[in-house]
Protein backbone atom coordinates (compact mmCIF):
# COMPACT_ATOMS: atom_id res chain seq x y z
CA MET A 1 92.80 109.79 109.09
CA PRO A 2 91.25 111.01 112.78
CA PRO A 3 88.30 113.38 112.56
CA VAL A 4 88.52 116.80 113.30
CA LEU A 5 86.02 119.29 114.16
CA ALA A 6 85.90 121.77 110.93
CA PRO A 7 88.04 122.41 108.01
CA LEU A 8 91.45 123.35 108.89
CA PHE A 9 91.29 127.44 109.63
CA PRO A 10 89.07 128.27 106.06
CA LEU A 11 90.35 132.07 104.81
CA LEU A 12 88.87 134.81 106.31
CA LEU A 13 86.82 137.34 104.03
CA ALA A 14 86.28 141.15 103.90
CA LEU A 15 89.39 141.87 106.80
CA ALA A 16 91.59 144.64 106.36
CA VAL A 17 95.65 143.88 105.18
CA PRO A 18 97.99 145.38 107.24
CA SER A 19 100.98 147.42 105.85
CA ARG A 20 103.94 145.34 104.64
CA ALA A 21 106.75 147.13 106.25
CA ARG A 22 110.25 146.24 105.45
CA THR A 23 112.36 145.15 108.50
CA ASP A 24 115.06 147.82 107.56
CA ASP A 25 112.32 150.15 107.60
CA LEU A 26 110.75 149.34 110.72
CA ALA A 27 114.50 149.76 112.43
CA ARG A 28 114.03 153.27 112.32
CA PHE A 29 111.15 153.24 114.98
CA ASP A 30 113.33 151.28 117.49
CA PRO A 31 114.92 153.52 120.26
CA PRO A 32 118.45 155.13 120.23
CA SER A 33 119.37 152.61 123.14
CA TRP A 34 117.32 149.70 124.81
CA ALA A 35 119.20 149.88 128.05
CA PRO A 36 117.01 153.07 129.25
CA VAL A 37 114.47 151.83 128.18
CA PHE A 38 114.63 148.05 129.63
CA ALA A 39 115.22 149.64 132.99
CA GLU A 40 111.57 151.88 132.55
CA LEU A 41 110.03 148.38 131.80
CA LYS A 42 111.32 147.11 135.04
CA GLY A 43 110.88 150.20 136.68
CA HIS A 44 106.73 149.70 135.52
CA LEU A 45 106.35 145.93 136.34
CA GLN A 46 107.69 146.89 140.11
CA ALA A 47 105.35 149.52 140.52
CA LEU A 48 102.22 147.21 139.34
CA VAL A 49 103.43 144.86 141.44
CA ARG A 50 103.44 146.88 144.54
CA LEU A 51 99.46 147.91 144.10
CA ASP A 52 98.26 144.73 145.75
CA THR A 53 95.21 143.82 143.13
CA SER A 54 94.56 140.61 144.64
CA ASN A 55 91.20 139.54 143.38
CA PRO A 56 89.29 139.14 145.67
CA PRO A 57 88.55 142.21 146.53
CA GLY A 58 90.31 143.35 143.11
CA ASP A 59 90.89 147.18 144.03
CA GLU A 60 92.33 147.29 140.09
CA ILE A 61 91.55 150.95 140.08
CA LEU A 62 95.01 151.41 141.54
CA ALA A 63 96.42 149.99 138.67
CA ALA A 64 94.04 151.56 136.13
CA ARG A 65 95.32 155.19 137.90
CA TYR A 66 98.82 154.48 137.90
CA LEU A 67 98.67 153.27 133.99
CA ARG A 68 96.58 156.35 133.25
CA GLU A 69 98.87 158.90 135.14
CA THR A 70 102.12 157.37 133.11
CA LEU A 71 100.43 157.14 129.55
CA GLY A 72 99.24 161.15 130.86
CA ARG A 73 102.99 161.88 130.82
CA GLU A 74 103.94 160.44 127.29
CA GLY A 75 100.56 162.70 126.22
CA ILE A 76 98.41 159.72 125.71
CA ALA A 77 94.83 160.32 126.85
CA GLY A 78 94.15 156.99 129.11
CA GLU A 79 90.29 156.69 130.35
CA VAL A 80 89.34 154.52 133.43
CA PHE A 81 86.38 152.84 133.31
CA VAL A 82 84.64 151.60 136.73
CA SER A 83 82.22 148.91 136.64
CA THR A 84 81.79 148.87 140.56
CA GLY A 85 83.43 150.17 143.27
CA THR A 86 87.04 149.86 142.89
CA ARG A 87 86.90 147.56 139.97
CA ALA A 88 88.10 149.42 136.87
CA SER A 89 90.00 148.77 133.62
CA LEU A 90 91.94 151.36 131.57
CA VAL A 91 91.86 151.79 127.73
CA ALA A 92 94.04 154.22 125.72
CA ARG A 93 93.96 154.83 122.16
CA LEU A 94 96.53 156.10 120.11
CA LYS A 95 94.55 157.13 116.48
CA ALA A 96 95.81 156.46 113.01
CA GLN A 97 97.86 158.85 111.23
CA GLY A 98 95.15 159.47 107.59
CA PRO A 99 92.21 156.97 106.95
CA ALA A 100 92.61 154.26 108.93
CA ARG A 101 93.21 150.60 107.22
CA GLY A 102 90.37 148.16 108.73
CA ARG A 103 90.05 146.87 112.54
CA PRO A 104 91.74 148.56 115.36
CA PHE A 105 95.12 146.47 116.71
CA LEU A 106 94.21 146.10 120.61
CA LEU A 107 96.85 145.09 123.24
CA MET A 108 95.07 143.71 126.51
CA CYS A 109 96.16 142.37 129.40
CA HIS A 110 94.57 141.77 133.22
CA THR A 111 95.49 144.10 136.22
CA ASP A 112 94.11 142.08 138.82
CA VAL A 113 96.38 138.67 140.54
CA VAL A 114 95.07 136.08 143.00
CA PRO A 115 95.69 136.21 146.23
CA ALA A 116 99.22 135.10 147.82
CA GLU A 117 100.20 132.96 150.78
CA ARG A 118 102.49 135.60 151.99
CA ALA A 119 104.03 132.88 155.22
CA ARG A 120 105.00 130.90 152.60
CA TRP A 121 107.09 133.40 150.21
CA SER A 122 110.67 133.68 150.52
CA VAL A 123 110.04 137.71 149.44
CA ASP A 124 107.12 140.14 150.16
CA PRO A 125 104.60 139.11 147.32
CA PHE A 126 104.04 142.49 146.99
CA ALA A 127 107.60 144.20 147.34
CA GLY A 128 108.37 143.80 143.41
CA THR A 129 111.88 142.64 144.68
CA GLU A 130 114.40 142.29 142.24
CA LYS A 131 116.83 139.45 142.81
CA ASP A 132 119.14 136.97 141.18
CA GLY A 133 118.21 138.61 137.83
CA PHE A 134 114.51 138.10 138.40
CA ILE A 135 111.58 140.15 139.55
CA TRP A 136 109.50 138.45 142.30
CA GLY A 137 106.55 139.28 143.00
CA ARG A 138 102.45 138.22 142.77
CA GLY A 139 101.73 138.96 139.11
CA THR A 140 105.20 139.13 137.73
CA ALA A 141 104.20 136.07 135.13
CA ASP A 142 100.30 136.61 135.26
CA ILE A 143 100.41 138.85 133.91
CA LYS A 144 101.54 142.25 135.23
CA GLY A 145 104.76 141.57 133.20
CA MET A 146 102.46 141.59 129.62
CA CYS A 147 100.85 144.78 130.99
CA ALA A 148 104.04 146.37 131.66
CA ALA A 149 105.60 145.53 128.24
CA GLU A 150 102.05 146.52 126.25
CA LEU A 151 102.56 149.79 128.73
CA MET A 152 105.91 150.22 127.00
CA VAL A 153 104.91 149.70 123.51
CA VAL A 154 102.89 152.01 123.33
CA GLU A 155 105.07 154.83 124.97
CA LEU A 156 107.77 153.74 122.27
CA LEU A 157 105.04 154.29 119.38
CA LYS A 158 103.65 157.78 120.68
CA ARG A 159 107.97 158.50 121.37
CA ALA A 160 108.77 157.20 117.86
CA ARG A 161 106.15 159.18 116.21
CA VAL A 162 105.29 156.15 114.17
CA PRO A 163 102.95 156.98 111.26
CA LEU A 164 99.95 154.48 112.10
CA SER A 165 97.79 153.06 109.40
CA ARG A 166 95.43 151.61 112.20
CA ASP A 167 94.38 152.80 115.80
CA VAL A 168 96.20 150.64 118.48
CA ILE A 169 94.36 150.41 121.37
CA PHE A 170 95.95 149.14 124.99
CA PHE A 171 93.57 147.95 127.27
CA ALA A 172 94.25 146.73 130.98
CA GLN A 173 91.19 144.91 132.08
CA ALA A 174 89.97 144.80 135.56
CA ASP A 175 88.10 140.55 137.05
CA GLU A 176 89.88 138.22 134.81
CA GLU A 177 90.59 135.97 137.33
CA SER A 178 87.03 135.51 138.81
CA GLY A 179 85.69 135.06 134.89
CA THR A 180 84.03 138.43 134.45
CA PRO A 181 85.11 139.10 130.29
CA ASP A 182 85.63 142.92 129.62
CA SER A 183 83.85 144.08 132.48
CA GLY A 184 83.64 148.27 132.60
CA VAL A 185 84.81 148.92 128.99
CA GLY A 186 82.37 150.83 126.45
CA GLY A 187 82.59 151.06 122.61
CA SER A 188 82.01 148.21 120.12
CA ASP A 189 84.98 148.29 118.50
CA ARG A 190 86.81 146.03 120.49
CA HIS A 191 84.88 143.14 119.23
CA LEU A 192 86.04 143.83 115.58
CA ALA A 193 89.75 144.39 116.77
CA TRP A 194 92.55 142.44 116.21
CA PHE A 195 93.63 141.02 119.77
CA LEU A 196 96.87 140.36 121.29
CA ARG A 197 96.64 139.22 124.94
CA GLU A 198 97.54 136.50 127.37
CA GLY A 199 97.00 132.44 126.93
CA GLY A 200 99.63 131.06 125.14
CA HIS A 201 103.17 130.12 126.36
CA THR A 202 106.28 131.33 125.67
CA LEU A 203 109.39 128.56 126.45
CA TRP A 204 112.48 130.79 127.84
CA ARG A 205 115.29 128.65 128.21
CA SER A 206 119.14 129.13 128.21
CA GLY A 207 118.65 133.00 128.00
CA ALA A 208 116.66 133.32 124.76
CA ILE A 209 113.20 132.42 123.35
CA ALA A 210 113.21 129.22 122.81
CA ALA A 211 109.59 128.57 121.31
CA ILE A 212 106.81 130.37 120.84
CA HIS A 213 103.42 128.45 121.54
CA LEU A 214 100.91 131.11 120.26
CA GLN A 215 97.26 130.21 121.59
CA VAL A 216 95.13 129.99 118.74
CA ALA A 217 92.21 128.10 120.33
CA GLU A 218 91.08 126.87 124.32
CA LYS A 219 89.08 124.54 125.80
CA ARG A 220 85.61 125.64 127.10
CA TYR A 221 84.83 126.04 131.02
CA LEU A 222 82.05 124.12 131.56
CA ASP A 223 80.66 123.23 135.98
CA VAL A 224 78.45 120.51 136.09
CA LYS A 225 76.59 119.73 139.26
CA LEU A 226 75.01 116.87 140.46
CA VAL A 227 72.93 116.43 143.08
CA ALA A 228 72.17 113.41 145.24
CA ARG A 229 68.32 113.51 147.08
CA GLY A 230 67.32 110.91 149.76
CA THR A 231 65.19 110.29 153.06
CA PRO A 232 67.25 111.61 155.87
CA GLY A 233 67.34 109.98 159.07
CA HIS A 234 69.49 108.38 161.92
CA SER A 235 72.41 106.90 160.87
CA SER A 236 72.00 103.79 162.99
CA LEU A 237 69.19 102.77 160.55
CA PRO A 238 71.10 102.91 157.09
CA ARG A 239 68.34 103.58 154.21
CA ALA A 240 69.11 102.51 150.35
CA ASP A 241 68.34 105.79 149.20
CA ASN A 242 71.54 107.66 151.31
CA PRO A 243 72.54 110.33 149.16
CA VAL A 244 76.29 110.10 150.16
CA HIS A 245 76.28 106.62 148.88
CA ALA A 246 74.43 107.74 145.43
CA LEU A 247 76.99 110.60 144.95
CA ALA A 248 80.28 108.19 145.88
CA ARG A 249 78.55 105.74 143.21
CA ALA A 250 78.23 108.20 140.89
CA LEU A 251 81.27 109.69 141.34
CA ALA A 252 83.28 106.65 141.03
CA ARG A 253 81.66 105.97 137.61
CA LEU A 254 82.75 108.97 136.27
CA SER A 255 86.48 108.52 137.78
CA ALA A 256 86.67 105.13 135.86
CA TRP A 257 85.22 107.59 132.39
CA ARG A 258 87.48 107.45 129.62
CA PRO A 259 85.74 110.46 127.04
CA PRO A 260 86.61 109.34 123.22
CA VAL A 261 89.60 110.92 121.80
CA GLU A 262 89.79 113.23 118.75
CA ILE A 263 92.79 114.71 117.46
CA HIS A 264 92.11 118.47 117.13
CA PRO A 265 94.11 119.83 114.04
CA VAL A 266 95.95 122.58 115.95
CA VAL A 267 97.05 119.75 118.72
CA LEU A 268 98.10 117.88 115.66
CA ARG A 269 100.38 120.95 114.43
CA PHE A 270 101.38 121.43 117.90
CA LEU A 271 103.12 118.06 118.50
CA GLN A 272 104.39 117.90 115.38
CA ASP A 273 106.38 120.98 115.37
CA GLY A 274 107.72 119.73 119.27
CA ALA A 275 107.87 116.17 118.24
CA ALA A 276 111.97 116.74 117.45
CA GLN A 277 112.71 117.78 120.88
CA GLY A 278 110.85 114.50 122.28
CA THR A 279 112.08 110.78 122.61
CA GLN A 280 111.91 108.43 120.14
CA GLU A 281 108.72 106.85 120.99
CA ARG A 282 106.99 109.86 121.80
CA ARG A 283 107.92 111.16 117.81
CA GLU A 284 106.65 107.40 116.87
CA LEU A 285 103.43 108.19 118.41
CA ILE A 286 103.07 111.50 117.22
CA ALA A 287 104.05 110.11 113.56
CA ALA A 288 100.67 107.78 114.31
CA LEU A 289 98.46 110.12 114.92
CA SER A 290 97.72 110.49 111.31
CA GLY A 291 97.21 106.45 110.59
CA PRO A 292 94.72 103.76 110.81
CA GLY A 293 96.07 103.44 114.57
CA TRP A 294 95.56 106.99 115.74
CA GLU A 295 93.23 106.37 118.54
CA GLU A 296 95.72 103.47 119.90
CA ALA A 297 98.30 105.76 119.84
CA ALA A 298 96.56 108.83 120.88
CA ARG A 299 95.91 106.95 124.41
CA ARG A 300 99.54 105.50 124.86
CA LEU A 301 100.63 109.52 124.30
CA GLU A 302 98.18 110.15 127.12
CA GLU A 303 99.62 107.59 129.49
CA LEU A 304 103.08 108.85 128.42
CA ASP A 305 101.77 112.67 129.05
CA PRO A 306 98.92 113.60 130.93
CA GLU A 307 99.08 117.59 129.67
CA THR A 308 99.05 116.19 126.32
CA GLY A 309 96.40 113.61 126.87
CA ALA A 310 94.45 116.75 128.13
CA LEU A 311 94.83 117.70 124.65
CA LEU A 312 93.15 114.90 122.81
CA HIS A 313 89.65 114.59 124.42
CA ASP A 314 87.24 116.56 127.04
CA THR A 315 88.02 116.21 130.65
CA ALA A 316 85.42 115.93 134.12
CA ALA A 317 87.20 116.34 137.37
CA ALA A 318 85.04 116.74 140.60
CA THR A 319 86.65 119.71 142.53
CA ILE A 320 83.81 120.14 145.34
CA VAL A 321 82.35 117.42 147.52
CA ARG A 322 79.49 118.52 149.89
CA GLY A 323 76.82 116.38 152.02
CA GLY A 324 75.78 116.10 155.36
CA TYR A 325 76.37 118.34 158.64
CA LYS A 326 76.48 115.33 161.76
CA ALA A 327 78.34 112.32 161.94
CA ASN A 328 75.10 110.57 163.05
CA VAL A 329 72.72 111.82 160.82
CA VAL A 330 71.86 110.34 157.27
CA PRO A 331 71.45 114.05 154.93
CA SER A 332 68.75 114.61 152.52
CA ARG A 333 71.04 116.15 150.08
CA ALA A 334 74.44 115.49 148.80
CA GLU A 335 75.82 117.42 145.84
CA ALA A 336 79.40 117.75 144.06
CA VAL A 337 80.56 120.45 140.94
CA VAL A 338 82.72 118.69 138.34
CA ASN A 339 84.59 120.82 136.35
CA CYS A 340 85.11 120.33 133.01
CA ARG A 341 87.09 121.51 130.08
CA LEU A 342 84.99 120.53 126.28
CA MET A 343 87.31 120.65 123.29
CA PRO A 344 86.68 123.69 120.72
CA GLY A 345 83.08 123.25 119.01
CA ARG A 346 81.62 121.01 121.46
CA ASP A 347 77.95 121.52 122.19
CA PRO A 348 77.85 121.64 126.14
CA GLU A 349 74.26 119.97 126.10
CA ARG A 350 75.48 116.84 124.32
CA PHE A 351 78.51 116.68 126.49
CA VAL A 352 76.32 116.62 129.54
CA GLU A 353 73.87 114.25 128.22
CA GLU A 354 76.97 112.02 127.95
CA LEU A 355 77.66 112.95 131.35
CA ARG A 356 74.39 111.46 132.62
CA ARG A 357 74.94 108.12 130.76
CA VAL A 358 78.16 107.60 132.28
CA VAL A 359 76.86 108.77 135.85
CA ALA A 360 73.64 106.47 135.29
CA GLU A 361 72.73 106.96 139.04
CA PRO A 362 68.74 106.98 139.28
CA GLY A 363 68.89 109.38 142.56
CA VAL A 364 71.86 111.58 141.11
CA GLU A 365 70.15 115.07 138.92
CA VAL A 366 73.21 116.33 136.82
CA SER A 367 72.71 119.38 135.48
CA TYR A 368 74.69 122.61 134.41
CA GLU A 369 73.45 126.30 133.84
CA PRO A 370 73.47 127.18 129.80
CA ASP A 371 75.21 130.29 128.62
CA PRO A 372 74.60 132.14 125.31
CA LEU A 373 77.92 131.44 124.00
CA PRO A 374 78.29 129.62 120.40
CA PRO A 375 80.82 127.26 119.77
CA VAL A 376 83.94 128.87 118.87
CA ALA A 377 86.60 127.57 116.13
CA ALA A 378 90.09 127.91 116.38
CA MET A 379 91.27 131.11 114.89
CA PRO A 380 92.89 130.94 111.38
CA LEU A 381 96.64 130.77 110.97
CA ASP A 382 96.69 133.12 107.66
CA THR A 383 95.70 136.09 109.39
CA PRO A 384 97.55 139.18 108.70
CA LEU A 385 98.26 139.08 112.78
CA HIS A 386 99.49 135.47 112.86
CA GLN A 387 102.17 136.45 109.94
CA ALA A 388 102.97 139.08 111.73
CA VAL A 389 104.00 137.16 114.89
CA GLU A 390 105.54 134.96 112.51
CA ALA A 391 108.06 137.36 111.20
CA ALA A 392 108.28 139.49 114.34
CA ALA A 393 109.94 136.27 115.79
CA ALA A 394 112.12 135.51 113.30
CA GLU A 395 113.44 139.22 113.93
CA ALA A 396 113.46 139.34 117.55
CA ALA A 397 113.63 135.39 118.48
CA PRO A 398 115.60 133.91 115.82
CA GLY A 399 115.31 130.21 115.80
CA ALA A 400 112.10 130.29 117.84
CA PRO A 401 109.55 128.32 116.04
CA VAL A 402 106.20 129.80 116.45
CA SER A 403 103.39 126.87 117.03
CA PRO A 404 99.72 126.91 117.36
CA LEU A 405 98.56 125.86 120.53
CA LEU A 406 95.14 124.62 122.05
CA SER A 407 94.97 125.67 125.68
CA ALA A 408 93.43 123.25 128.53
CA TRP A 409 92.88 125.92 130.26
CA SER A 410 90.62 128.73 129.73
CA THR A 411 89.95 132.42 129.12
CA ASP A 412 87.70 135.18 128.78
CA SER A 413 88.78 134.98 124.92
CA GLN A 414 85.87 132.44 124.13
CA SER A 415 83.38 135.62 124.83
CA LEU A 416 85.28 138.02 122.20
CA ARG A 417 86.13 135.41 119.75
CA ALA A 418 82.62 134.39 119.63
CA ARG A 419 81.64 138.41 118.85
CA GLY A 420 83.99 138.06 115.89
CA THR A 421 87.36 139.26 117.25
CA ILE A 422 90.26 137.97 115.88
CA MET A 423 92.36 137.18 119.36
CA TYR A 424 96.00 134.89 119.50
CA GLY A 425 97.54 134.73 123.15
CA LEU A 426 101.19 135.50 123.00
CA ASP A 427 102.46 135.37 126.82
CA PRO A 428 105.87 136.48 128.08
CA PRO A 429 108.73 133.95 128.30
CA LEU A 430 108.86 131.53 131.29
CA SER A 431 110.88 129.19 131.97
CA ALA A 432 109.20 125.95 132.50
CA GLU A 433 109.95 126.10 136.55
CA ASP A 434 108.88 129.85 136.31
CA ALA A 435 105.89 128.81 134.64
CA GLY A 436 104.74 126.45 137.36
CA ARG A 437 105.16 129.37 140.26
CA ALA A 438 102.02 130.95 138.30
CA HIS A 439 99.31 131.41 140.84
CA GLY A 440 101.81 129.77 143.25
CA ASP A 441 104.39 130.57 145.35
CA ASP A 442 107.34 132.93 144.73
CA GLU A 443 106.53 134.07 141.50
CA ARG A 444 108.90 135.61 139.37
CA ILE A 445 109.75 136.64 135.64
CA SER A 446 113.64 136.74 134.50
CA ILE A 447 114.23 140.49 133.29
CA ASP A 448 116.11 139.45 130.40
CA ALA A 449 113.41 137.40 129.20
CA LEU A 450 110.69 140.49 130.02
CA ASN A 451 112.97 142.48 127.73
CA ALA A 452 113.03 139.98 125.03
CA TYR A 453 109.47 140.00 125.17
CA LEU A 454 108.94 143.77 124.74
CA ARG A 455 110.97 143.44 121.34
CA LEU A 456 109.15 140.88 120.37
CA LEU A 457 105.98 142.77 120.97
CA TYR A 458 106.91 146.10 119.87
CA ARG A 459 107.95 144.32 116.70
CA VAL A 460 104.89 142.66 116.07
CA THR A 461 102.98 145.77 116.90
CA LEU A 462 105.12 147.96 114.12
CA ARG A 463 104.27 145.20 111.78
CA MET A 464 100.72 145.33 112.62
CA THR A 465 100.40 149.42 112.43
CA ALA A 466 103.45 151.04 110.83
CA ARG A 467 102.55 153.09 107.63
CA GLU A 468 105.35 152.13 104.83
CA ARG A 469 107.32 154.91 103.25
CA THR A 470 105.75 156.87 100.24
């Protein structure tokens, strides 16, 4: 059997168990008609897209004020936390009726977006255009669609006067796209909450939610710097210690390196859950991951599908190279940044030591900036929140399997999970094509997909927070 990093998802102790409201009991909290709710949801998303919160510079205070004003009309108090200048987050809370049963339930999104090259878009990226059954604009997929849906969930809870067994918190975060976690938010209870936020992948196909890939773990982000130093001089007199040559040799060795493969239990289950949709060869390789030839099967699977391969080992990719300032001068220094993504639980120092052995270039220094974050294991699959997602999916997206996802990308969930938060990533539904548009040109989200996401998110929230009838 292949090695694993830890026992598969041990039971959590001392966590409060939410009320088990029946499906028919929860239906009483649905709006009389969903049509006006969906129209309102669309309007919220369009309004948020029209607020240009490109990061940099951010200006998330625009979105925070919009959310506060919108919630205020429902009688829900929202507080804006300014970190610096116009960087601001919003927090709103619905209090439990009677004694709260354990941790709050927290719906989280971020209001900043990556910049858009307007000339490359077919529509204005900040107009919130409705066209062909989609809302187009920067942030529709990442991740203002989630903000709009979470806003509506909180409003629906208030309008339906849902008797809450625990506090519900809406947290619209600033400055996620540049990697500053939970900036500007006070209070420690957010680290002891049940969280739903971005990070997973919900597949939209043929007008319905086809699969829910719930993020329960992610690879760790690590930037490693390679610096070569040598004797500067005229290029007509080449020297053996030319730092550009030394850096090139180091990067060539790094490019040829094949990190050891490993099968994380989350990845194994994810692959097994989706095996039926693959080719015969892919199914056979996935089955072989649990047998004696697992390493060869993993390598072959990586050759067939590089995206899957990224989940089977650490990765290292050179992303920035600098050196020299004039064509006829040998510089004294050349450097490169290597962006690495580590498997959950990996010790960064041991990984960097391995990189030094791979580079094996005496004139090249390999370094990184340590952070205090301890290794973070995968979230358990036996928690009340995970069970609530599965049950809600059966109601709001029948037939769509819920599979755990270890994401190759990284979010700031790591820092919150390290502090005791139970957090899962449940993204708005996107088709394969629309997922590829996030952070790119002509970003968009299907209106029907956004509506389906609201119903799913609302049902999860009710299962986590609504008191049973007595």
